[in-house]
Amino acid sequence: MLRKIFPVLLISACCITVSFAQGELNATVRVSTPQLQKNDRKVFDQLEISLRDFVNNTTWTQERFEPEERIKCNFILTISEEQDNNVFRAELAVQSTRPVFGSGYETALLSHLDKDIVFTYEQNQPIEFQVDATDNQNLPSLFAFYAYLMIGMDFDSYSLYGGDPYLLTAQQIVTNIQNSSTNSTPGWRPADGGKNRNRYWIIENLLNPRVKPYRAAMYNYYRKGLDMFTTDMDKAKGVILQSLEEVDKVNTAYFNSMIIQMFANAKRDELVEMWKVAGRPQKERVIQIMTKIDPANTQRYREIGA
């Protein structure tokens, strides 16, 4: 697959079309309803099957993925209430991973909980999506957005800014919903939810020029760091530490950006375990950077120096 060897050629986002075949994602999809008592579970079983088929069988890009190259990911849709007839409020947990060369280890690319979801669904309703449509239903748009986000982040980890076409498509989904006359659901507009924490801000951050050094750092972190661990661990960890220095700089240049917190959420455990074995100066610098980026988890990072 070209994403592992050569930089991806940029293509116009508007030229990407969605078709059905074996797709780029190898997704586990679950629909959970722990707080709903009166609803027929068959409706949600059908929804789970439809979403799984939609995510896994859609061809999201023009690249060819071999079966073993498909991106492993998880979607867990937890429905908390039925607001009206067939209108539901929910949360969506999304996670994607990528293999580390020369090992059996899989590293997290994305680990995020989207808490602000409202959608409409009726049993046997088809899950359909078109990139350039302005009146897509919210549920397929939501899953398509995260599919392109996962693919973009995956490509970024193999080639410098290789995820551009797919991140631009995710941005197009956001823009189309903002321009929609029928879709006013939350999470797609700058002010939704407050504190600059929603889908709009995820893609705004990733495509903001101030954050471009972060994406370069992610390429180095994965391709020149983790992928080289089995070849030269000390050199690889040096690259990863330099990547963290760049993340720290982006955090200063674009303080409180959502993508930096998402990085910490995905990489916290990995970084703690990685740096438990290192020289004292390196340990102290990693602790300093990560407690500044992720102060709520300061105690966790202190385990590095314990």
C-alpha atoms as a PDB file:
ATOM      1  CA  MET A   1       0.000   0.000   0.000  1.00  0.00           C
ATOM      2  CA  LEU A   2       1.415   3.356  -1.064  1.00  0.00           C
ATOM      3  CA  ARG A   3       0.840   5.081   2.263  1.00  0.00           C
ATOM      4  CA  LYS A   4       3.629   2.961   3.736  1.00  0.00           C
ATOM      5  CA  ILE A   5       6.207   3.812   1.090  1.00  0.00           C
ATOM      6  CA  PHE A   6       5.617   7.073  -0.730  1.00  0.00           C
ATOM      7  CA  PRO A   7       4.039  10.418   0.189  1.00  0.00           C
ATOM      8  CA  VAL A   8       0.425  10.516  -0.893  1.00  0.00           C
ATOM      9  CA  LEU A   9      -0.329  12.777  -3.811  1.00  0.00           C
ATOM     10  CA  LEU A  10      -2.759  15.512  -2.903  1.00  0.00           C
ATOM     11  CA  ILE A  11      -6.117  15.259  -4.588  1.00  0.00           C
ATOM     12  CA  SER A  12      -9.064  17.567  -4.402  1.00  0.00           C
ATOM     13  CA  ALA A  13     -11.419  16.624  -1.596  1.00  0.00           C
ATOM     14  CA  CYS A  14     -14.409  17.280  -3.778  1.00  0.00           C
ATOM     15  CA  CYS A  15     -13.278  14.592  -6.183  1.00  0.00           C
ATOM     16  CA  ILE A  16     -13.536  11.846  -3.571  1.00  0.00           C
ATOM     17  CA  THR A  17     -16.618   9.714  -3.948  1.00  0.00           C
ATOM     18  CA  VAL A  18     -18.021   7.065  -1.656  1.00  0.00           C
ATOM     19  CA  SER A  19     -18.712   3.616  -3.058  1.00  0.00           C
ATOM     20  CA  PHE A  20     -19.185   0.193  -1.550  1.00  0.00           C
ATOM     21  CA  ALA A  21     -16.678  -2.644  -1.620  1.00  0.00           C
ATOM     22  CA  GLN A  22     -14.112  -3.794   0.906  1.00  0.00           C
ATOM     23  CA  GLY A  23     -13.029  -0.560   2.513  1.00  0.00           C
ATOM     24  CA  GLU A  24      -9.979   0.797   4.247  1.00  0.00           C
ATOM     25  CA  LEU A  25     -11.298   0.276   7.777  1.00  0.00           C
ATOM     26  CA  ASN A  26     -11.441  -2.872   9.854  1.00  0.00           C
ATOM     27  CA  ALA A  27     -13.928  -1.613  12.396  1.00  0.00           C
ATOM     28  CA  THR A  28     -15.704  -3.006  15.390  1.00  0.00           C
ATOM     29  CA  VAL A  29     -19.016  -1.176  15.826  1.00  0.00           C
ATOM     30  CA  ARG A  30     -21.208  -1.473  18.899  1.00  0.00           C
ATOM     31  CA  VAL A  31     -24.472   0.238  19.802  1.00  0.00           C
ATOM     32  CA  SER A  32     -25.171   0.316  23.539  1.00  0.00           C
ATOM     33  CA  THR A  33     -28.421   1.396  25.223  1.00  0.00           C
ATOM     34  CA  PRO A  34     -27.856   1.005  28.990  1.00  0.00           C
ATOM     35  CA  GLN A  35     -30.313   3.744  29.968  1.00  0.00           C
ATOM     36  CA  LEU A  36     -33.138   2.944  27.558  1.00  0.00           C
ATOM     37  CA  GLN A  37     -35.760   0.618  28.966  1.00  0.00           C
ATOM     38  CA  LYS A  38     -38.789   0.864  26.731  1.00  0.00           C
ATOM     39  CA  ASN A  39     -37.228   0.577  23.291  1.00  0.00           C
ATOM     40  CA  ASP A  40     -37.198  -2.597  21.228  1.00  0.00           C
ATOM     41  CA  ARG A  41     -33.584  -3.819  21.164  1.00  0.00           C
ATOM     42  CA  LYS A  42     -34.130  -5.125  17.623  1.00  0.00           C
ATOM     43  CA  VAL A  43     -34.057  -1.538  16.366  1.00  0.00           C
ATOM     44  CA  PHE A  44     -30.595  -1.002  17.801  1.00  0.00           C
ATOM     45  CA  ASP A  45     -29.342  -4.407  16.700  1.00  0.00           C
ATOM     46  CA  GLN A  46     -30.279  -3.431  13.160  1.00  0.00           C
ATOM     47  CA  LEU A  47     -28.637  -0.041  13.592  1.00  0.00           C
ATOM     48  CA  GLU A  48     -25.427  -1.726  14.784  1.00  0.00           C
ATOM     49  CA  ILE A  49     -25.341  -4.025  11.765  1.00  0.00           C
ATOM     50  CA  SER A  50     -26.064  -1.174   9.353  1.00  0.00           C
ATOM     51  CA  LEU A  51     -23.353   1.040  10.833  1.00  0.00           C
ATOM     52  CA  ARG A  52     -20.818  -1.801  10.805  1.00  0.00           C
ATOM     53  CA  ASP A  53     -21.557  -2.516   7.145  1.00  0.00           C
ATOM     54  CA  PHE A  54     -21.407   1.187   6.304  1.00  0.00           C
ATOM     55  CA  VAL A  55     -18.021   1.750   7.948  1.00  0.00           C
ATOM     56  CA  ASN A  56     -16.341  -1.451   6.781  1.00  0.00           C
ATOM     57  CA  ASN A  57     -17.729  -1.747   3.259  1.00  0.00           C
ATOM     58  CA  THR A  58     -17.396   1.846   2.143  1.00  0.00           C
ATOM     59  CA  THR A  59     -14.406   2.670  -0.055  1.00  0.00           C
ATOM     60  CA  TRP A  60     -13.309   5.941   1.492  1.00  0.00           C
ATOM     61  CA  THR A  61     -10.263   6.689  -0.659  1.00  0.00           C
ATOM     62  CA  GLN A  62      -8.799   5.988  -4.077  1.00  0.00           C
ATOM     63  CA  GLU A  63      -6.004   3.910  -2.557  1.00  0.00           C
ATOM     64  CA  ARG A  64      -5.946   0.142  -2.584  1.00  0.00           C
ATOM     65  CA  PHE A  65      -5.667  -1.509   0.814  1.00  0.00           C
ATOM     66  CA  GLU A  66      -4.784  -5.163   1.210  1.00  0.00           C
ATOM     67  CA  PRO A  67      -6.934  -6.950   3.832  1.00  0.00           C
ATOM     68  CA  GLU A  68      -4.101  -6.983   6.359  1.00  0.00           C
ATOM     69  CA  GLU A  69      -3.486  -3.244   5.831  1.00  0.00           C
ATOM     70  CA  ARG A  70      -6.966  -2.126   6.810  1.00  0.00           C
ATOM     71  CA  ILE A  71      -6.983   0.315   9.714  1.00  0.00           C
ATOM     72  CA  LYS A  72      -8.129  -1.272  12.954  1.00  0.00           C
ATOM     73  CA  CYS A  73     -10.647   0.901  14.741  1.00  0.00           C
ATOM     74  CA  ASN A  74     -13.565   0.879  17.157  1.00  0.00           C
ATOM     75  CA  PHE A  75     -16.810   2.824  17.283  1.00  0.00           C
ATOM     76  CA  ILE A  76     -18.976   2.528  20.411  1.00  0.00           C
ATOM     77  CA  LEU A  77     -22.250   4.455  20.173  1.00  0.00           C
ATOM     78  CA  THR A  78     -23.882   4.757  23.600  1.00  0.00           C
ATOM     79  CA  ILE A  79     -27.453   6.024  23.380  1.00  0.00           C
ATOM     80  CA  SER A  80     -28.551   7.799  26.538  1.00  0.00           C
ATOM     81  CA  GLU A  81     -32.084   8.968  25.761  1.00  0.00           C
ATOM     82  CA  GLU A  82     -34.843   9.195  23.198  1.00  0.00           C
ATOM     83  CA  GLN A  83     -35.716  12.874  22.946  1.00  0.00           C
ATOM     84  CA  ASP A  84     -38.622  12.535  20.565  1.00  0.00           C
ATOM     85  CA  ASN A  85     -40.007   9.957  18.193  1.00  0.00           C
ATOM     86  CA  ASN A  86     -36.903   8.296  16.675  1.00  0.00           C
ATOM     87  CA  VAL A  87     -34.618  11.150  17.820  1.00  0.00           C
ATOM     88  CA  PHE A  88     -31.815  10.041  20.126  1.00  0.00           C
ATOM     89  CA  ARG A  89     -29.038  11.611  22.178  1.00  0.00           C
ATOM     90  CA  ALA A  90     -25.776   9.682  22.415  1.00  0.00           C
ATOM     91  CA  GLU A  91     -22.020   9.607  22.897  1.00  0.00           C
ATOM     92  CA  LEU A  92     -19.546   8.076  20.471  1.00  0.00           C
ATOM     93  CA  ALA A  93     -16.218   6.615  21.566  1.00  0.00           C
ATOM     94  CA  VAL A  94     -13.776   6.267  18.661  1.00  0.00           C
ATOM     95  CA  GLN A  95     -10.369   4.629  18.647  1.00  0.00           C
ATOM     96  CA  SER A  96      -7.911   3.687  15.915  1.00  0.00           C
ATOM     97  CA  THR A  97      -4.530   1.981  16.009  1.00  0.00           C
ATOM     98  CA  ARG A  98      -1.629   1.279  13.729  1.00  0.00           C
ATOM     99  CA  PRO A  99       0.968  -1.520  13.830  1.00  0.00           C
ATOM    100  CA  VAL A 100       4.555  -0.731  14.761  1.00  0.00           C
ATOM    101  CA  PHE A 101       7.035  -2.156  12.261  1.00  0.00           C
ATOM    102  CA  GLY A 102       9.105  -5.085  13.410  1.00  0.00           C
ATOM    103  CA  SER A 103       6.937  -5.862  16.424  1.00  0.00           C
ATOM    104  CA  GLY A 104       3.538  -7.197  17.422  1.00  0.00           C
ATOM    105  CA  TYR A 105       2.708  -3.903  19.119  1.00  0.00           C
ATOM    106  CA  GLU A 106      -0.190  -1.706  18.007  1.00  0.00           C
ATOM    107  CA  THR A 107      -0.041   1.965  18.920  1.00  0.00           C
ATOM    108  CA  ALA A 108      -3.045   4.238  19.366  1.00  0.00           C
ATOM    109  CA  LEU A 109      -3.530   6.973  16.780  1.00  0.00           C
ATOM    110  CA  LEU A 110      -6.876   8.235  18.041  1.00  0.00           C
ATOM    111  CA  SER A 111      -8.799   7.813  21.281  1.00  0.00           C
ATOM    112  CA  HIS A 112     -11.673  10.230  21.677  1.00  0.00           C
ATOM    113  CA  LEU A 113     -15.127  10.489  23.234  1.00  0.00           C
ATOM    114  CA  ASP A 114     -17.637  12.680  21.394  1.00  0.00           C
ATOM    115  CA  LYS A 115     -20.292  13.586  23.967  1.00  0.00           C
ATOM    116  CA  ASP A 116     -22.583  15.803  21.911  1.00  0.00           C
ATOM    117  CA  ILE A 117     -24.528  13.671  19.435  1.00  0.00           C
ATOM    118  CA  VAL A 118     -28.155  13.884  18.380  1.00  0.00           C
ATOM    119  CA  PHE A 119     -29.462  11.760  15.512  1.00  0.00           C
ATOM    120  CA  THR A 120     -32.618  10.386  13.960  1.00  0.00           C
ATOM    121  CA  TYR A 121     -33.042   6.716  13.134  1.00  0.00           C
ATOM    122  CA  GLU A 122     -35.919   4.430  12.199  1.00  0.00           C
ATOM    123  CA  GLN A 123     -35.664   0.658  11.948  1.00  0.00           C
ATOM    124  CA  ASN A 124     -34.479  -0.544   8.516  1.00  0.00           C
ATOM    125  CA  GLN A 125     -33.495   2.990   7.559  1.00  0.00           C
ATOM    126  CA  PRO A 126     -30.541   2.805   5.128  1.00  0.00           C
ATOM    127  CA  ILE A 127     -27.243   4.399   6.155  1.00  0.00           C
ATOM    128  CA  GLU A 128     -26.304   6.463   3.111  1.00  0.00           C
ATOM    129  CA  PHE A 129     -23.752   9.209   2.641  1.00  0.00           C
ATOM    130  CA  GLN A 130     -22.422  11.453  -0.131  1.00  0.00           C
ATOM    131  CA  VAL A 131     -19.421  13.675   0.476  1.00  0.00           C
ATOM    132  CA  ASP A 132     -20.743  16.649  -1.468  1.00  0.00           C
ATOM    133  CA  ALA A 133     -24.355  16.525  -0.195  1.00  0.00           C
ATOM    134  CA  THR A 134     -25.366  19.372   2.115  1.00  0.00           C
ATOM    135  CA  ASP A 135     -28.360  17.590   3.643  1.00  0.00           C
ATOM    136  CA  ASN A 136     -26.887  14.260   4.715  1.00  0.00           C
ATOM    137  CA  GLN A 137     -28.443  12.741   7.793  1.00  0.00           C
ATOM    138  CA  ASN A 138     -26.395  13.403  10.902  1.00  0.00           C
ATOM    139  CA  LEU A 139     -25.566   9.783  11.756  1.00  0.00           C
ATOM    140  CA  PRO A 140     -23.829   8.824   8.483  1.00  0.00           C
ATOM    141  CA  SER A 141     -22.105  12.219   8.406  1.00  0.00           C
ATOM    142  CA  LEU A 142     -20.819  11.615  11.932  1.00  0.00           C
ATOM    143  CA  PHE A 143     -19.357   8.204  11.104  1.00  0.00           C
ATOM    144  CA  ALA A 144     -17.956   9.465   7.802  1.00  0.00           C
ATOM    145  CA  PHE A 145     -16.270  12.364   9.574  1.00  0.00           C
ATOM    146  CA  TYR A 146     -14.475  10.041  11.975  1.00  0.00           C
ATOM    147  CA  ALA A 147     -13.648   7.588   9.195  1.00  0.00           C
ATOM    148  CA  TYR A 148     -11.829  10.311   7.257  1.00  0.00           C
ATOM    149  CA  LEU A 149     -10.205  11.591  10.455  1.00  0.00           C
ATOM    150  CA  MET A 150      -8.839   8.109  11.204  1.00  0.00           C
ATOM    151  CA  ILE A 151      -7.603   7.648   7.656  1.00  0.00           C
ATOM    152  CA  GLY A 152      -5.994  11.095   7.605  1.00  0.00           C
ATOM    153  CA  MET A 153      -4.181  10.497  10.870  1.00  0.00           C
ATOM    154  CA  ASP A 154      -3.057   7.062   9.686  1.00  0.00           C
ATOM    155  CA  PHE A 155      -1.621   8.456   6.443  1.00  0.00           C
ATOM    156  CA  ASP A 156       0.085  11.271   8.378  1.00  0.00           C
ATOM    157  CA  SER A 157       1.910   8.616  10.409  1.00  0.00           C
ATOM    158  CA  TYR A 158       3.424   7.044   7.278  1.00  0.00           C
ATOM    159  CA  SER A 159       4.233  10.085   5.139  1.00  0.00           C
ATOM    160  CA  LEU A 160       4.710  13.761   5.920  1.00  0.00           C
ATOM    161  CA  TYR A 161       1.286  15.462   5.647  1.00  0.00           C
ATOM    162  CA  GLY A 162       0.082  12.387   3.755  1.00  0.00           C
ATOM    163  CA  GLY A 163      -3.341  12.700   5.378  1.00  0.00           C
ATOM    164  CA  ASP A 164      -4.163  16.052   3.772  1.00  0.00           C
ATOM    165  CA  PRO A 165      -6.761  14.790   1.258  1.00  0.00           C
ATOM    166  CA  TYR A 166      -8.725  12.934   3.914  1.00  0.00           C
ATOM    167  CA  LEU A 167      -8.555  15.672   6.529  1.00  0.00           C
ATOM    168  CA  LEU A 168      -9.795  18.106   3.874  1.00  0.00           C
ATOM    169  CA  THR A 169     -12.711  15.778   3.203  1.00  0.00           C
ATOM    170  CA  ALA A 170     -13.519  15.690   6.912  1.00  0.00           C
ATOM    171  CA  GLN A 171     -13.445  19.491   6.848  1.00  0.00           C
ATOM    172  CA  GLN A 172     -15.799  19.469   3.869  1.00  0.00           C
ATOM    173  CA  ILE A 173     -18.281  17.355   5.837  1.00  0.00           C
ATOM    174  CA  VAL A 174     -18.228  19.948   8.627  1.00  0.00           C
ATOM    175  CA  THR A 175     -18.684  22.824   6.176  1.00  0.00           C
ATOM    176  CA  ASN A 176     -21.558  21.108   4.365  1.00  0.00           C
ATOM    177  CA  ILE A 177     -23.448  20.561   7.611  1.00  0.00           C
ATOM    178  CA  GLN A 178     -22.895  24.180   8.604  1.00  0.00           C
ATOM    179  CA  ASN A 179     -24.443  25.167   5.260  1.00  0.00           C
ATOM    180  CA  SER A 180     -27.295  22.675   5.545  1.00  0.00           C
ATOM    181  CA  SER A 181     -30.848  23.944   5.748  1.00  0.00           C
ATOM    182  CA  THR A 182     -32.037  20.820   7.581  1.00  0.00           C
ATOM    183  CA  ASN A 183     -29.169  19.704   9.830  1.00  0.00           C
ATOM    184  CA  SER A 184     -28.875  21.799  12.987  1.00  0.00           C
ATOM    185  CA  THR A 185     -27.537  19.036  15.227  1.00  0.00           C
ATOM    186  CA  PRO A 186     -24.784  19.960  17.718  1.00  0.00           C
ATOM    187  CA  GLY A 187     -21.040  19.459  17.427  1.00  0.00           C
ATOM    188  CA  TRP A 188     -20.403  20.893  13.963  1.00  0.00           C
ATOM    189  CA  ARG A 189     -20.172  24.634  14.604  1.00  0.00           C
ATOM    190  CA  PRO A 190     -17.537  26.674  16.461  1.00  0.00           C
ATOM    191  CA  ALA A 191     -19.756  27.626  19.410  1.00  0.00           C
ATOM    192  CA  ASP A 192     -21.420  24.236  19.903  1.00  0.00           C
ATOM    193  CA  GLY A 193     -20.736  22.839  23.356  1.00  0.00           C
ATOM    194  CA  GLY A 194     -18.373  25.626  24.376  1.00  0.00           C
ATOM    195  CA  LYS A 195     -14.667  25.460  25.290  1.00  0.00           C
ATOM    196  CA  ASN A 196     -13.593  24.830  21.675  1.00  0.00           C
ATOM    197  CA  ARG A 197     -14.229  21.091  22.037  1.00  0.00           C
ATOM    198  CA  ASN A 198     -16.183  19.551  19.166  1.00  0.00           C
ATOM    199  CA  ARG A 199     -15.826  18.154  15.629  1.00  0.00           C
ATOM    200  CA  TYR A 200     -15.355  21.598  14.144  1.00  0.00           C
ATOM    201  CA  TRP A 201     -12.355  22.232  16.381  1.00  0.00           C
ATOM    202  CA  ILE A 202     -10.773  18.841  15.769  1.00  0.00           C
ATOM    203  CA  ILE A 203     -10.463  19.475  12.056  1.00  0.00           C
ATOM    204  CA  GLU A 204      -9.776  23.199  12.502  1.00  0.00           C
ATOM    205  CA  ASN A 205      -6.816  22.325  14.698  1.00  0.00           C
ATOM    206  CA  LEU A 206      -5.390  19.717  12.336  1.00  0.00           C
ATOM    207  CA  LEU A 207      -5.534  22.042   9.338  1.00  0.00           C
ATOM    208  CA  ASN A 208      -4.521  25.233  11.140  1.00  0.00           C
ATOM    209  CA  PRO A 209      -1.044  26.461  10.049  1.00  0.00           C
ATOM    210  CA  ARG A 210      -0.085  26.859  13.723  1.00  0.00           C
ATOM    211  CA  VAL A 211      -0.583  23.116  14.177  1.00  0.00           C
ATOM    212  CA  LYS A 212       1.335  21.980  11.093  1.00  0.00           C
ATOM    213  CA  PRO A 213       4.512  21.332  13.162  1.00  0.00           C
ATOM    214  CA  TYR A 214       2.415  18.980  15.317  1.00  0.00           C
ATOM    215  CA  ARG A 215       1.545  16.882  12.281  1.00  0.00           C
ATOM    216  CA  ALA A 216       5.217  16.784  11.253  1.00  0.00           C
ATOM    217  CA  ALA A 217       6.048  15.697  14.800  1.00  0.00           C
ATOM    218  CA  MET A 218       3.494  12.887  14.532  1.00  0.00           C
ATOM    219  CA  TYR A 219       5.152  11.621  11.362  1.00  0.00           C
ATOM    220  CA  ASN A 220       8.493  11.592  13.148  1.00  0.00           C
ATOM    221  CA  TYR A 221       6.995  10.046  16.297  1.00  0.00           C
ATOM    222  CA  TYR A 222       5.568   7.075  14.397  1.00  0.00           C
ATOM    223  CA  ARG A 223       7.710   6.564  11.310  1.00  0.00           C
ATOM    224  CA  LYS A 224      11.151   7.625  12.582  1.00  0.00           C
ATOM    225  CA  GLY A 225      10.501   6.820  16.227  1.00  0.00           C
ATOM    226  CA  LEU A 226       8.278   3.864  17.009  1.00  0.00           C
ATOM    227  CA  ASP A 227       8.902   2.104  13.685  1.00  0.00           C
ATOM    228  CA  MET A 228      12.655   2.207  14.353  1.00  0.00           C
ATOM    229  CA  PHE A 229      12.470   0.940  17.945  1.00  0.00           C
ATOM    230  CA  THR A 230      13.599  -2.587  17.141  1.00  0.00           C
ATOM    231  CA  THR A 231      16.490  -1.272  15.016  1.00  0.00           C
ATOM    232  CA  ASP A 232      17.940   1.353  17.369  1.00  0.00           C
ATOM    233  CA  MET A 233      15.894   2.009  20.501  1.00  0.00           C
ATOM    234  CA  ASP A 234      18.050   4.846  21.833  1.00  0.00           C
ATOM    235  CA  LYS A 235      17.930   6.752  18.549  1.00  0.00           C
ATOM    236  CA  ALA A 236      14.204   6.110  18.208  1.00  0.00           C
ATOM    237  CA  LYS A 237      13.526   7.464  21.698  1.00  0.00           C
ATOM    238  CA  GLY A 238      15.622  10.523  20.861  1.00  0.00           C
ATOM    239  CA  VAL A 239      13.350  11.178  17.868  1.00  0.00           C
ATOM    240  CA  ILE A 240      10.258  10.700  20.021  1.00  0.00           C
ATOM    241  CA  LEU A 241      11.558  13.130  22.627  1.00  0.00           C
ATOM    242  CA  GLN A 242      12.188  15.706  19.903  1.00  0.00           C
ATOM    243  CA  SER A 243       8.633  15.094  18.663  1.00  0.00           C
ATOM    244  CA  LEU A 244       7.369  15.853  22.163  1.00  0.00           C
ATOM    245  CA  GLU A 245       9.404  19.079  22.130  1.00  0.00           C
ATOM    246  CA  GLU A 246       7.558  20.075  18.936  1.00  0.00           C
ATOM    247  CA  VAL A 247       4.198  19.191  20.486  1.00  0.00           C
ATOM    248  CA  ASP A 248       5.118  21.425  23.429  1.00  0.00           C
ATOM    249  CA  LYS A 249       5.906  24.301  21.044  1.00  0.00           C
ATOM    250  CA  VAL A 250       2.544  23.898  19.295  1.00  0.00           C
ATOM    251  CA  ASN A 251       0.818  23.853  22.666  1.00  0.00           C
ATOM    252  CA  THR A 252       2.471  27.207  23.416  1.00  0.00           C
ATOM    253  CA  ALA A 253       1.662  28.679  19.993  1.00  0.00           C
ATOM    254  CA  TYR A 254      -1.955  27.481  20.056  1.00  0.00           C
ATOM    255  CA  PHE A 255      -2.737  27.178  23.741  1.00  0.00           C
ATOM    256  CA  ASN A 256      -5.611  24.909  24.772  1.00  0.00           C
ATOM    257  CA  SER A 257      -5.977  23.457  21.286  1.00  0.00           C
ATOM    258  CA  MET A 258      -8.154  20.374  21.212  1.00  0.00           C
ATOM    259  CA  ILE A 259      -5.756  18.220  19.200  1.00  0.00           C
ATOM    260  CA  ILE A 260      -3.026  18.480  21.843  1.00  0.00           C
ATOM    261  CA  GLN A 261      -5.369  17.121  24.509  1.00  0.00           C
ATOM    262  CA  MET A 262      -6.426  14.364  22.117  1.00  0.00           C
ATOM    263  CA  PHE A 263      -2.753  13.490  21.671  1.00  0.00           C
ATOM    264  CA  ALA A 264      -2.337  13.191  25.426  1.00  0.00           C
ATOM    265  CA  ASN A 265      -5.454  11.034  25.718  1.00  0.00           C
ATOM    266  CA  ALA A 266      -4.182   8.628  23.080  1.00  0.00           C
ATOM    267  CA  LYS A 267      -0.518   8.477  24.088  1.00  0.00           C
ATOM    268  CA  ARG A 268      -0.511   8.896  27.885  1.00  0.00           C
ATOM    269  CA  ASP A 269      -0.093   5.248  28.846  1.00  0.00           C
ATOM    270  CA  GLU A 270       2.340   4.548  26.023  1.00  0.00           C
ATOM    271  CA  LEU A 271       4.597   7.438  26.997  1.00  0.00           C
ATOM    272  CA  VAL A 272       4.628   6.519  30.673  1.00  0.00           C
ATOM    273  CA  GLU A 273       5.658   2.938  29.949  1.00  0.00           C
ATOM    274  CA  MET A 274       8.164   3.972  27.270  1.00  0.00           C
ATOM    275  CA  TRP A 275      10.065   6.430  29.453  1.00  0.00           C
ATOM    276  CA  LYS A 276      10.241   4.407  32.655  1.00  0.00           C
ATOM    277  CA  VAL A 277      13.510   3.101  31.244  1.00  0.00           C
ATOM    278  CA  ALA A 278      15.633   6.141  30.307  1.00  0.00           C
ATOM    279  CA  GLY A 279      18.260   8.490  31.646  1.00  0.00           C
ATOM    280  CA  ARG A 280      17.240  10.907  34.389  1.00  0.00           C
ATOM    281  CA  PRO A 281      17.456  14.054  32.181  1.00  0.00           C
ATOM    282  CA  GLN A 282      15.207  12.480  29.540  1.00  0.00           C
ATOM    283  CA  LYS A 283      12.701  11.296  32.138  1.00  0.00           C
ATOM    284  CA  GLU A 284      12.529  14.730  33.715  1.00  0.00           C
ATOM    285  CA  ARG A 285      12.038  16.456  30.376  1.00  0.00           C
ATOM    286  CA  VAL A 286       9.223  14.098  29.335  1.00  0.00           C
ATOM    287  CA  ILE A 287       7.505  14.622  32.697  1.00  0.00           C
ATOM    288  CA  GLN A 288       7.904  18.398  32.332  1.00  0.00           C
ATOM    289  CA  ILE A 289       6.415  18.460  28.824  1.00  0.00           C
ATOM    290  CA  MET A 290       3.512  16.116  29.486  1.00  0.00           C
ATOM    291  CA  THR A 291       2.455  17.648  32.805  1.00  0.00           C
ATOM    292  CA  LYS A 292       2.372  21.022  31.076  1.00  0.00           C
ATOM    293  CA  ILE A 293       0.276  19.611  28.202  1.00  0.00           C
ATOM    294  CA  ASP A 294      -1.913  17.365  30.348  1.00  0.00           C
ATOM    295  CA  PRO A 295      -1.926  18.791  33.904  1.00  0.00           C
ATOM    296  CA  ALA A 296      -4.957  16.800  35.007  1.00  0.00           C
ATOM    297  CA  ASN A 297      -2.839  13.641  34.771  1.00  0.00           C
ATOM    298  CA  THR A 298       0.328  14.918  36.430  1.00  0.00           C
ATOM    299  CA  GLN A 299       0.375  12.036  38.907  1.00  0.00           C
ATOM    300  CA  ARG A 300       0.348   9.506  36.076  1.00  0.00           C
ATOM    301  CA  TYR A 301       3.399  11.074  34.431  1.00  0.00           C
ATOM    302  CA  ARG A 302       5.273  11.133  37.717  1.00  0.00           C
ATOM    303  CA  GLU A 303       5.322   7.337  37.493  1.00  0.00           C
ATOM    304  CA  ILE A 304       8.040   7.768  34.841  1.00  0.00           C
ATOM    305  CA  GLY A 305      10.480   8.969  37.463  1.00  0.00           C
ATOM    306  CA  ALA A 306       9.381   6.646  40.260  1.00  0.00           C
END
